[in-house]
C-alpha atoms as a PDB file:
ATOM      1  CA  MET A   1     -25.994 167.666 191.066  1.00  0.00           C
ATOM      2  CA  THR A   2     -28.850 170.092 191.617  1.00  0.00           C
ATOM      3  CA  GLN A   3     -32.103 170.279 189.673  1.00  0.00           C
ATOM      4  CA  LYS A   4     -31.154 173.776 188.534  1.00  0.00           C
ATOM      5  CA  TYR A   5     -27.879 172.534 187.012  1.00  0.00           C
ATOM      6  CA  TYR A   6     -29.644 169.527 185.456  1.00  0.00           C
ATOM      7  CA  VAL A   7     -32.365 171.686 183.885  1.00  0.00           C
ATOM      8  CA  GLU A   8     -29.964 174.356 182.626  1.00  0.00           C
ATOM      9  CA  ARG A   9     -27.141 172.150 181.318  1.00  0.00           C
ATOM     10  CA  LEU A  10     -28.222 168.566 180.633  1.00  0.00           C
ATOM     11  CA  LEU A  11     -31.972 168.233 180.219  1.00  0.00           C
ATOM     12  CA  PRO A  12     -32.193 170.573 177.189  1.00  0.00           C
ATOM     13  CA  ILE A  13     -29.729 168.334 175.339  1.00  0.00           C
ATOM     14  CA  TYR A  14     -31.856 165.253 176.047  1.00  0.00           C
ATOM     15  CA  CYS A  15     -35.084 167.033 175.104  1.00  0.00           C
ATOM     16  CA  ASP A  16     -33.600 168.294 171.834  1.00  0.00           C
ATOM     17  CA  ALA A  17     -32.402 164.784 170.982  1.00  0.00           C
ATOM     18  CA  ILE A  18     -35.840 163.307 171.662  1.00  0.00           C
ATOM     19  CA  LYS A  19     -37.482 166.048 169.588  1.00  0.00           C
ATOM     20  CA  SER A  20     -35.096 165.397 166.673  1.00  0.00           C
ATOM     21  CA  ILE A  21     -35.695 161.661 166.776  1.00  0.00           C
ATOM     22  CA  CYS A  22     -39.467 162.158 166.897  1.00  0.00           C
ATOM     23  CA  GLN A  23     -39.292 164.204 163.695  1.00  0.00           C
ATOM     24  CA  ILE A  24     -37.593 161.297 161.921  1.00  0.00           C
ATOM     25  CA  ASP A  25     -39.492 158.459 163.554  1.00  0.00           C
ATOM     26  CA  ASN A  26     -43.000 159.324 164.686  1.00  0.00           C
ATOM     27  CA  LYS A  27     -43.042 156.822 167.539  1.00  0.00           C
ATOM     28  CA  PRO A  28     -43.230 157.554 171.257  1.00  0.00           C
ATOM     29  CA  TRP A  29     -39.815 157.986 172.891  1.00  0.00           C
ATOM     30  CA  LEU A  30     -39.161 157.825 176.614  1.00  0.00           C
ATOM     31  CA  LEU A  31     -36.365 159.229 178.744  1.00  0.00           C
ATOM     32  CA  GLN A  32     -34.878 156.732 181.193  1.00  0.00           C
ATOM     33  CA  GLU A  33     -33.397 158.205 184.345  1.00  0.00           C
ATOM     34  CA  ASP A  34     -32.397 156.789 187.681  1.00  0.00           C
ATOM     35  CA  SER A  35     -33.789 157.967 191.019  1.00  0.00           C
ATOM     36  CA  ASP A  36     -31.355 160.848 191.462  1.00  0.00           C
ATOM     37  CA  LEU A  37     -33.117 163.753 193.166  1.00  0.00           C
ATOM     38  CA  SER A  38     -31.966 166.152 190.443  1.00  0.00           C
ATOM     39  CA  HIS A  39     -34.065 164.272 187.874  1.00  0.00           C
ATOM     40  CA  GLY A  40     -37.277 165.243 189.628  1.00  0.00           C
ATOM     41  CA  ILE A  41     -38.599 161.685 189.758  1.00  0.00           C
ATOM     42  CA  LYS A  42     -39.243 161.505 193.506  1.00  0.00           C
ATOM     43  CA  LYS A  43     -39.999 165.152 194.173  1.00  0.00           C
ATOM     44  CA  ARG A  44     -41.727 167.579 191.835  1.00  0.00           C
ATOM     45  CA  GLY A  45     -39.499 170.484 190.885  1.00  0.00           C
ATOM     46  CA  LEU A  46     -37.779 172.289 188.033  1.00  0.00           C
ATOM     47  CA  ALA A  47     -36.910 169.105 186.149  1.00  0.00           C
ATOM     48  CA  THR A  48     -40.466 167.772 186.274  1.00  0.00           C
ATOM     49  CA  GLU A  49     -41.890 171.084 185.084  1.00  0.00           C
ATOM     50  CA  TYR A  50     -39.348 171.279 182.250  1.00  0.00           C
ATOM     51  CA  LYS A  51     -40.136 167.754 181.068  1.00  0.00           C
ATOM     52  CA  GLU A  52     -43.875 168.417 181.158  1.00  0.00           C
ATOM     53  CA  ALA A  53     -43.445 171.661 179.195  1.00  0.00           C
ATOM     54  CA  HIS A  54     -41.471 169.778 176.513  1.00  0.00           C
ATOM     55  CA  ASN A  55     -43.728 166.689 176.454  1.00  0.00           C
ATOM     56  CA  VAL A  56     -40.979 164.345 177.641  1.00  0.00           C
ATOM     57  CA  GLN A  57     -42.162 161.148 179.293  1.00  0.00           C
ATOM     58  CA  ASN A  58     -40.081 159.155 181.732  1.00  0.00           C
ATOM     59  CA  LEU A  59     -39.652 155.428 181.717  1.00  0.00           C
ATOM     60  CA  SER A  60     -40.253 154.451 185.304  1.00  0.00           C
ATOM     61  CA  HIS A  61     -38.281 151.538 186.657  1.00  0.00           C
ATOM     62  CA  PRO A  62     -37.716 150.184 190.149  1.00  0.00           C
ATOM     63  CA  PRO A  63     -34.954 151.851 192.152  1.00  0.00           C
ATOM     64  CA  GLN A  64     -31.647 150.047 192.527  1.00  0.00           C
ATOM     65  CA  SER A  65     -32.404 147.404 189.931  1.00  0.00           C
ATOM     66  CA  PRO A  66     -29.383 147.214 187.600  1.00  0.00           C
ATOM     67  CA  ASP A  67     -30.741 143.985 186.085  1.00  0.00           C
ATOM     68  CA  CYS A  68     -33.712 145.946 184.713  1.00  0.00           C
ATOM     69  CA  ASN A  69     -31.590 148.841 183.467  1.00  0.00           C
ATOM     70  CA  PRO A  70     -30.323 148.326 179.888  1.00  0.00           C
ATOM     71  CA  ILE A  71     -27.931 151.289 180.181  1.00  0.00           C
ATOM     72  CA  GLU A  72     -26.153 149.826 183.214  1.00  0.00           C
ATOM     73  CA  GLY A  73     -23.852 147.612 181.135  1.00  0.00           C
ATOM     74  CA  ILE A  74     -22.616 150.450 178.925  1.00  0.00           C
END
């Protein structure tokens, strides 16, 4: 997956969901992503700029650590 595809198709859905939840519950919400290059975690790019523009914060976690990833079991 490319950053362009991620920013155009998937990231807006996540950002809208976070924005909707923040309107209901005024607590900080974080987006958890793995180390895929399209997520812009390792290298600054379109995804990083999009998340900064929409005030989305990432939950950083060590790479390749399924024991620390609560989503892994789902």
